[in-house]
Amino acid sequence: MSQKKITIDTGKILKLYNLEYDKISKMTPKNFSKLENTVSEMQDVENQDMAMNMLQELIKNNKILIKEDQLKEIGRVFKPKNFVGMDKCLSEFEIIERSEGYSSNYVVKKNGKKYHISARNAYFRSLSDFSSLKDNVSMAKKASSIGVTAKLHDIFFCNDKGKLKLFSVSEYIEGESLSKWSQTNKLNDTHKKAIQKLISKSFDNNILLDWLSSEKIMVVKRGKQVKFILTSLSKASSFESLKESRKKDVLDDLDFIVSVSTNRIRALTISKLLKEKKIQLI
């Protein structure tokens, strides 16, 4: 027996859901409880549990729309024209090397100079995701300006095969990780003090590093001397973002405490739309 095909018009579903959710969320606790009782007494639809789960996931994973002007608060928006090929977002550069991982990394050339480019998906499920990225880029710019990381030359957004991505263009530096360098060199007290200075400079400038490893530190040779820079600010935060994160945690606790929580409103909204057959999985 062949399985029944399910077709979902996500745009229409989200529009109906948002309208209904807005109405229900404004109800008084008394009217909300009354509606809950009314909906619970309505006849269930076919495969209701499956439909509830599918719609819950659709709504939770729905991306918010960030406008171009908002993106420009972080970096420029690049829209390549008349380019044929795989790497249209990098059409301003000559690609020399590439590697894939958590982010895509490239060694490129432009006007005879070498640069390193890191590209990552810019996926926003909430305004807090956008604020977090904005804060991360702000820290990256500051770290670059004080010499904690490689010099950052450009930040831009580009739509790559239907996905919005953030591209960071940095100075290309010949060096190796502290982990690799330590295999043939001895890390002495002078080196340790230089790395301590790097860490102190980060914290003094509101860049709160979360962890450190020898893979996150690059050793750059300057004649007989060596210089150290950080290659990643992964999981770093600022006082402002840390404060907002703690605040959000406490507000989430409050949402859990209050009787009419977001999850409760969401569940009632979906159940009502299904039972009234305003949304049907065909």
Foldseek 3Di string as FASTA:
>chain_A
DDDDDWDDPLVLVVVLLVVLLVVLVPDDPVVNVVLVVVLVPFDADPPNVVLLVVVVVSLQQDFDDDDQVLQVLQFAADEAPPDDDQPSVQVQWAWDDWDDDQWIWTWTDHPRFIKIKTKHFQTHSDVLSSVQVSQVSVLVCVCLVVVQAFHWDGWYWYQHPNTIMIMTIGHDADWAFQVVVVVPDPCDPVNVVLVVVSQVVCVVVQWAADDDDSRQWTWHDDDPDIHIHGNDSPPIGGPVSVVVVVVVVVVVVVLVPDPCHPVNSSSSSSSVCVSVVVDDTD
